[in-house]
């Protein structure tokens, strides 16, 4: 059951990291705001791996070459997903931009079933439906326009596409942890994390150096705030990857929807955004969906 506290902690860290990253993104381009989490997250990812090995001794995983392909694919999908999420923030507020990306839960359930054959309890599927209804209300943002009508808006398209690529990331990470081998899934998750973040820093950092060198200089100058993003990103990803290594992707992501609750809190108290009544109702539905998913799992 380590996946349960891991998913809850991941939700807290991710909501906090996204709030800080949104402030960073005001002064940076989309790619520069995205590379912050990998460039500054890599040292923390390596420290987490080293710290775990100091406490828990044991044999290292012995992955094959395909392990690196899944790490690369998952890392690239996460870069695309993060950039799309930052683009969604530019069209609507912080809470609503995140809410659109939370369709990742249902997309992850479908992808994990199609690609990995993972099956869920009917109560868990009911929780997914309840959570999606909550996301619909959150995405409406208190406006009269309905969720279906708003699907054509840029924020909706960016957010839903972001959710799709985050779901692909989760599936790739789960396969990578399975292929890492060894008897310790937490160690496998941390190895995958270190490998994936190193590749992400090289891919997006290299692109930024070639195409936007001035933005890279801004990233390096803002190390105080960017370091917070890196730390929270590494902690959040370590928890997500641990969840994916020990439980079905869809189940981890459904429980991780509690991030929306933390997102509302950060959006209200940290960024000064007002909460609409529809957002409160949507939050209640999301929490109800998480409860149903847990009932189905337990």
Protein backbone atom coordinates (compact mmCIF):
# COMPACT_ATOMS: atom_id res chain seq x y z
CA UNK A 1 0.00 0.00 0.00
CA UNK A 2 2.98 2.34 -0.33
CA UNK A 3 1.35 3.72 -3.50
CA UNK A 4 -1.43 5.38 -1.49
CA UNK A 5 0.67 7.77 0.65
CA UNK A 6 2.99 8.22 -2.34
CA UNK A 7 0.10 9.41 -4.53
CA UNK A 8 -1.18 11.78 -1.82
CA UNK A 9 2.27 13.28 -1.22
CA UNK A 10 2.79 13.59 -4.96
CA UNK A 11 -0.41 15.63 -5.21
CA UNK A 12 0.80 18.06 -2.53
CA UNK A 13 4.26 18.47 -4.07
CA UNK A 14 2.94 18.84 -7.62
CA UNK A 15 0.36 21.48 -6.70
CA UNK A 16 3.00 23.47 -4.82
CA UNK A 17 5.55 23.09 -7.61
CA UNK A 18 3.04 24.13 -10.29
CA UNK A 19 2.11 27.25 -8.31
CA UNK A 20 5.75 28.29 -7.98
CA UNK A 21 6.47 27.37 -11.61
CA UNK A 22 3.61 29.55 -12.79
CA UNK A 23 5.21 32.54 -11.09
CA UNK A 24 8.51 31.67 -12.75
CA UNK A 25 6.79 31.39 -16.14
CA UNK A 26 5.81 35.08 -16.10
CA UNK A 27 9.41 36.06 -16.90
CA UNK A 28 10.35 33.05 -19.06
CA UNK A 29 9.35 31.46 -22.35
CA UNK A 30 7.39 28.21 -22.40
CA UNK A 31 10.52 26.09 -22.93
CA UNK A 32 12.53 28.00 -20.32
CA UNK A 33 9.77 27.59 -17.72
CA UNK A 34 9.64 23.89 -18.54
CA UNK A 35 13.39 23.23 -18.36
CA UNK A 36 13.54 24.68 -14.84
CA UNK A 37 11.99 21.57 -13.30
CA UNK A 38 14.51 19.24 -14.98
CA UNK A 39 17.70 21.28 -14.83
CA UNK A 40 17.24 22.11 -11.15
CA UNK A 41 15.49 18.85 -10.35
CA UNK A 42 18.36 16.60 -11.48
CA UNK A 43 20.65 17.26 -8.46
CA UNK A 44 17.77 16.57 -6.08
CA UNK A 45 16.80 13.39 -7.96
CA UNK A 46 20.37 12.11 -7.64
CA UNK A 47 20.44 13.03 -3.94
CA UNK A 48 17.18 11.13 -3.34
CA UNK A 49 18.64 8.06 -5.05
CA UNK A 50 21.91 8.29 -3.11
CA UNK A 51 20.11 8.86 0.19
CA UNK A 52 17.85 5.87 -0.35
CA UNK A 53 20.83 3.65 -1.14
CA UNK A 54 22.57 4.76 2.05
CA UNK A 55 19.57 3.76 4.15
CA UNK A 56 18.52 0.63 2.26
CA UNK A 57 21.42 -1.44 0.99
CA UNK A 58 20.82 -4.07 -1.65
CA UNK A 59 21.60 -5.09 -5.23
CA UNK A 60 21.24 -2.50 -7.96
CA UNK A 61 18.62 -3.08 -10.67
CA UNK A 62 19.95 -4.59 -13.90
CA UNK A 63 17.84 -3.11 -16.71
CA UNK A 64 18.30 -3.84 -20.42
CA UNK A 65 18.51 -1.40 -23.33
CA UNK A 66 14.74 -1.13 -23.76
CA UNK A 67 14.61 0.34 -20.24
CA UNK A 68 16.35 3.46 -21.53
CA UNK A 69 13.90 3.71 -24.44
CA UNK A 70 10.94 3.80 -22.04
CA UNK A 71 12.74 6.38 -19.88
CA UNK A 72 13.41 8.48 -22.97
CA UNK A 73 9.82 8.15 -24.22
CA UNK A 74 8.36 8.97 -20.82
CA UNK A 75 10.70 11.94 -20.39
CA UNK A 76 9.84 13.38 -23.81
CA UNK A 77 6.10 12.93 -23.19
CA UNK A 78 6.43 14.76 -19.86
CA UNK A 79 8.26 17.67 -21.52
CA UNK A 80 5.45 18.04 -24.06
CA UNK A 81 2.80 17.72 -21.34
CA UNK A 82 4.47 20.36 -19.14
CA UNK A 83 4.80 22.82 -22.04
CA UNK A 84 1.13 22.34 -22.95
CA UNK A 85 0.12 22.93 -19.32
CA UNK A 86 2.12 26.17 -19.16
CA UNK A 87 0.45 27.26 -22.41
CA UNK A 88 -2.96 26.53 -20.87
CA UNK A 89 -2.11 28.85 -17.96
CA UNK A 90 -1.69 31.69 -20.43
CA UNK A 91 -5.34 31.40 -21.52
CA UNK A 92 -7.17 30.82 -18.21
CA UNK A 93 -6.36 30.99 -14.50
CA UNK A 94 -4.10 28.61 -12.60
CA UNK A 95 -6.88 26.42 -11.15
CA UNK A 96 -8.79 26.01 -14.41
CA UNK A 97 -5.65 25.30 -16.45
CA UNK A 98 -4.78 22.49 -14.07
CA UNK A 99 -8.37 21.21 -14.05
CA UNK A 100 -8.35 20.63 -17.81
CA UNK A 101 -5.19 18.55 -17.49
CA UNK A 102 -6.89 16.37 -14.86
CA UNK A 103 -8.74 14.56 -17.65
CA UNK A 104 -5.46 12.63 -17.50
CA UNK A 105 -7.10 10.28 -14.98
CA UNK A 106 -9.64 8.88 -17.42
CA UNK A 107 -7.17 9.02 -20.31
CA UNK A 108 -4.66 7.11 -18.19
CA UNK A 109 -7.26 4.47 -17.33
CA UNK A 110 -8.02 3.90 -21.00
CA UNK A 111 -4.38 3.91 -22.11
CA UNK A 112 -3.25 1.57 -19.33
CA UNK A 113 -6.05 -0.84 -20.29
CA UNK A 114 -5.23 -0.71 -24.01
CA UNK A 115 -1.43 -0.79 -23.69
CA UNK A 116 -0.89 -2.81 -20.50
CA UNK A 117 -4.14 -4.71 -19.94
CA UNK A 118 -4.71 -3.21 -16.48
CA UNK A 119 -8.28 -3.78 -15.26
CA UNK A 120 -10.12 -1.80 -12.60
CA UNK A 121 -12.98 -2.54 -10.19
CA UNK A 122 -16.41 -1.11 -11.20
CA UNK A 123 -16.30 1.20 -8.16
CA UNK A 124 -13.01 2.58 -9.41
CA UNK A 125 -14.56 3.29 -12.81
CA UNK A 126 -17.43 5.02 -11.00
CA UNK A 127 -14.82 7.12 -9.19
CA UNK A 128 -13.29 8.05 -12.54
CA UNK A 129 -16.70 9.18 -13.81
CA UNK A 130 -17.33 11.21 -10.67
CA UNK A 131 -13.91 12.82 -10.94
CA UNK A 132 -14.45 13.72 -14.60
CA UNK A 133 -17.74 15.42 -13.69
CA UNK A 134 -15.87 17.43 -11.09
CA UNK A 135 -13.26 18.41 -13.66
CA UNK A 136 -16.05 19.56 -15.99
CA UNK A 137 -17.35 21.93 -13.34
CA UNK A 138 -13.89 23.18 -12.51
CA UNK A 139 -13.16 23.74 -16.17
CA UNK A 140 -16.30 25.84 -16.61
CA UNK A 141 -14.74 28.32 -14.16
CA UNK A 142 -18.13 29.59 -12.95
CA UNK A 143 -19.05 30.86 -16.41
CA UNK A 144 -22.34 30.16 -18.12
CA UNK A 145 -20.68 28.45 -21.06
CA UNK A 146 -20.80 24.70 -20.58
CA UNK A 147 -17.93 22.27 -20.60
CA UNK A 148 -18.74 20.88 -24.06
CA UNK A 149 -18.95 24.38 -25.53
CA UNK A 150 -15.64 25.34 -23.97
CA UNK A 151 -13.82 22.35 -25.49
CA UNK A 152 -12.90 24.39 -28.54
CA UNK A 153 -11.10 27.03 -26.50
CA UNK A 154 -7.27 27.10 -26.56
CA UNK A 155 -7.02 26.43 -22.80
CA UNK A 156 -9.19 23.32 -23.14
CA UNK A 157 -7.23 21.96 -26.08
CA UNK A 158 -3.87 22.58 -24.38
CA UNK A 159 -5.07 21.19 -21.05
CA UNK A 160 -6.62 18.01 -22.45
CA UNK A 161 -3.59 17.39 -24.68
CA UNK A 162 -1.42 17.91 -21.61
CA UNK A 163 -3.42 15.27 -19.76
CA UNK A 164 -2.94 12.82 -22.64
CA UNK A 165 0.84 13.22 -22.63
CA UNK A 166 0.96 13.00 -18.83
CA UNK A 167 -0.96 9.71 -19.14
CA UNK A 168 1.57 8.46 -21.70
CA UNK A 169 4.33 9.46 -19.29
CA UNK A 170 2.77 7.39 -16.52
CA UNK A 171 2.45 4.29 -18.73
CA UNK A 172 6.06 4.62 -19.93
CA UNK A 173 7.36 5.09 -16.39
CA UNK A 174 5.47 2.03 -15.13
CA UNK A 175 6.96 -0.08 -17.92
CA UNK A 176 10.43 1.29 -17.17
CA UNK A 177 10.15 0.43 -13.46
CA UNK A 178 9.00 -3.08 -14.36
CA UNK A 179 11.93 -3.52 -16.72
CA UNK A 180 14.45 -2.17 -14.22
CA UNK A 181 14.33 -5.46 -12.37
CA UNK A 182 15.42 -6.10 -8.81
CA UNK A 183 13.22 -6.74 -5.79
CA UNK A 184 12.85 -3.15 -4.58
CA UNK A 185 10.22 -1.14 -6.50
CA UNK A 186 11.12 2.10 -4.70
CA UNK A 187 14.75 1.80 -5.79
CA UNK A 188 13.59 1.02 -9.33
CA UNK A 189 11.40 4.14 -9.28
CA UNK A 190 14.29 6.34 -8.13
CA UNK A 191 16.61 4.89 -10.78
CA UNK A 192 14.00 5.62 -13.46
CA UNK A 193 13.58 9.13 -12.05
CA UNK A 194 17.30 9.90 -12.20
CA UNK A 195 17.64 8.52 -15.73
CA UNK A 196 14.53 10.29 -17.05
CA UNK A 197 15.35 13.70 -15.51
CA UNK A 198 18.93 13.53 -16.84
CA UNK A 199 17.58 12.91 -20.35
CA UNK A 200 14.99 15.66 -19.97
CA UNK A 201 17.59 18.19 -18.83
CA UNK A 202 19.77 17.27 -21.82
CA UNK A 203 16.91 17.40 -24.34
CA UNK A 204 15.14 20.59 -23.34
CA UNK A 205 18.27 22.27 -21.98
CA UNK A 206 20.10 21.62 -25.25
CA UNK A 207 17.18 23.02 -27.22
CA UNK A 208 17.12 26.14 -25.07
CA UNK A 209 20.87 26.72 -25.47
CA UNK A 210 20.60 26.46 -29.24
CA UNK A 211 17.36 28.35 -29.85
CA UNK A 212 16.87 30.64 -26.83
CA UNK A 213 20.26 31.30 -25.19
CA UNK A 214 19.01 34.48 -23.50
CA UNK A 215 16.25 32.47 -21.82
CA UNK A 216 18.83 30.01 -20.50
CA UNK A 217 20.71 32.91 -18.92
CA UNK A 218 17.48 34.01 -17.24
CA UNK A 219 16.93 30.48 -15.93
CA UNK A 220 20.41 30.44 -14.40
CA UNK A 221 20.04 33.91 -12.89
CA UNK A 222 16.78 32.97 -11.17
CA UNK A 223 18.28 30.01 -9.33
CA UNK A 224 16.71 30.91 -5.97
CA UNK A 225 13.11 30.44 -7.10
CA UNK A 226 13.98 27.88 -9.77
CA UNK A 227 15.69 25.75 -7.13
CA UNK A 228 12.36 25.50 -5.29
CA UNK A 229 10.73 24.25 -8.49
CA UNK A 230 13.48 21.67 -8.93
CA UNK A 231 13.22 20.39 -5.37
CA UNK A 232 9.42 20.10 -5.45
CA UNK A 233 9.53 18.54 -8.90
CA UNK A 234 12.01 15.87 -7.79
CA UNK A 235 10.01 15.06 -4.65
CA UNK A 236 6.72 14.94 -6.55
CA UNK A 237 8.09 12.79 -9.35
CA UNK A 238 9.74 10.41 -6.86
CA UNK A 239 6.34 9.87 -5.25
CA UNK A 240 4.54 9.49 -8.59
CA UNK A 241 7.12 7.02 -9.88
CA UNK A 242 6.93 5.01 -6.64
CA UNK A 243 3.15 4.84 -7.05
CA UNK A 244 3.46 3.70 -10.68
CA UNK A 245 5.97 1.03 -9.66
CA UNK A 246 3.63 -0.49 -7.07
CA UNK A 247 0.05 -0.01 -8.37
CA UNK A 248 -1.91 0.35 -11.64
CA UNK A 249 -1.38 3.68 -13.39
CA UNK A 250 -5.07 4.64 -13.40
CA UNK A 251 -5.50 4.00 -9.68
CA UNK A 252 -2.50 6.13 -8.74
CA UNK A 253 -3.64 8.98 -10.96
CA UNK A 254 -7.22 8.85 -9.67
CA UNK A 255 -6.08 9.16 -6.07
CA UNK A 256 -3.62 11.82 -7.19
CA UNK A 257 -6.59 13.95 -8.23
CA UNK A 258 -6.60 15.29 -4.68
CA UNK A 259 -3.98 17.58 -6.20
CA UNK A 260 -6.96 19.63 -7.41
CA UNK A 261 -7.86 20.37 -3.77
CA UNK A 262 -4.34 21.57 -3.08
CA UNK A 263 -4.37 23.49 -6.38
CA UNK A 264 -7.48 25.38 -5.30
CA UNK A 265 -5.78 26.23 -2.02
CA UNK A 266 -2.59 27.45 -3.66
CA UNK A 267 -4.54 29.35 -6.31
CA UNK A 268 -6.61 31.08 -3.62
CA UNK A 269 -4.02 31.77 -0.91
CA UNK A 270 -0.71 31.84 -2.81
CA UNK A 271 -1.76 33.44 -6.11
CA UNK A 272 -4.75 35.44 -4.85
CA UNK A 273 -7.28 33.89 -7.26
CA UNK A 274 -10.96 33.81 -6.26
CA UNK A 275 -12.89 30.53 -6.05
CA UNK A 276 -16.24 30.29 -7.84
CA UNK A 277 -19.14 28.28 -6.42
CA UNK A 278 -18.89 25.85 -9.33
CA UNK A 279 -15.25 25.21 -8.45
CA UNK A 280 -16.22 24.25 -4.89
CA UNK A 281 -18.89 21.86 -6.22
CA UNK A 282 -16.39 20.41 -8.69
CA UNK A 283 -13.90 19.89 -5.88
CA UNK A 284 -16.48 17.92 -3.90
CA UNK A 285 -17.11 15.67 -6.89
CA UNK A 286 -13.38 15.10 -7.39
CA UNK A 287 -12.96 14.13 -3.73
CA UNK A 288 -15.98 11.82 -4.01
CA UNK A 289 -14.38 10.19 -7.03
CA UNK A 290 -11.19 9.56 -5.09
CA UNK A 291 -13.17 7.94 -2.27
CA UNK A 292 -14.99 5.65 -4.72
CA UNK A 293 -11.71 4.70 -6.36
CA UNK A 294 -10.21 3.79 -2.99
CA UNK A 295 -13.26 1.69 -2.14
CA UNK A 296 -12.84 -0.18 -5.40
CA UNK A 297 -9.13 -0.73 -4.75
CA UNK A 298 -9.49 -1.85 -1.14
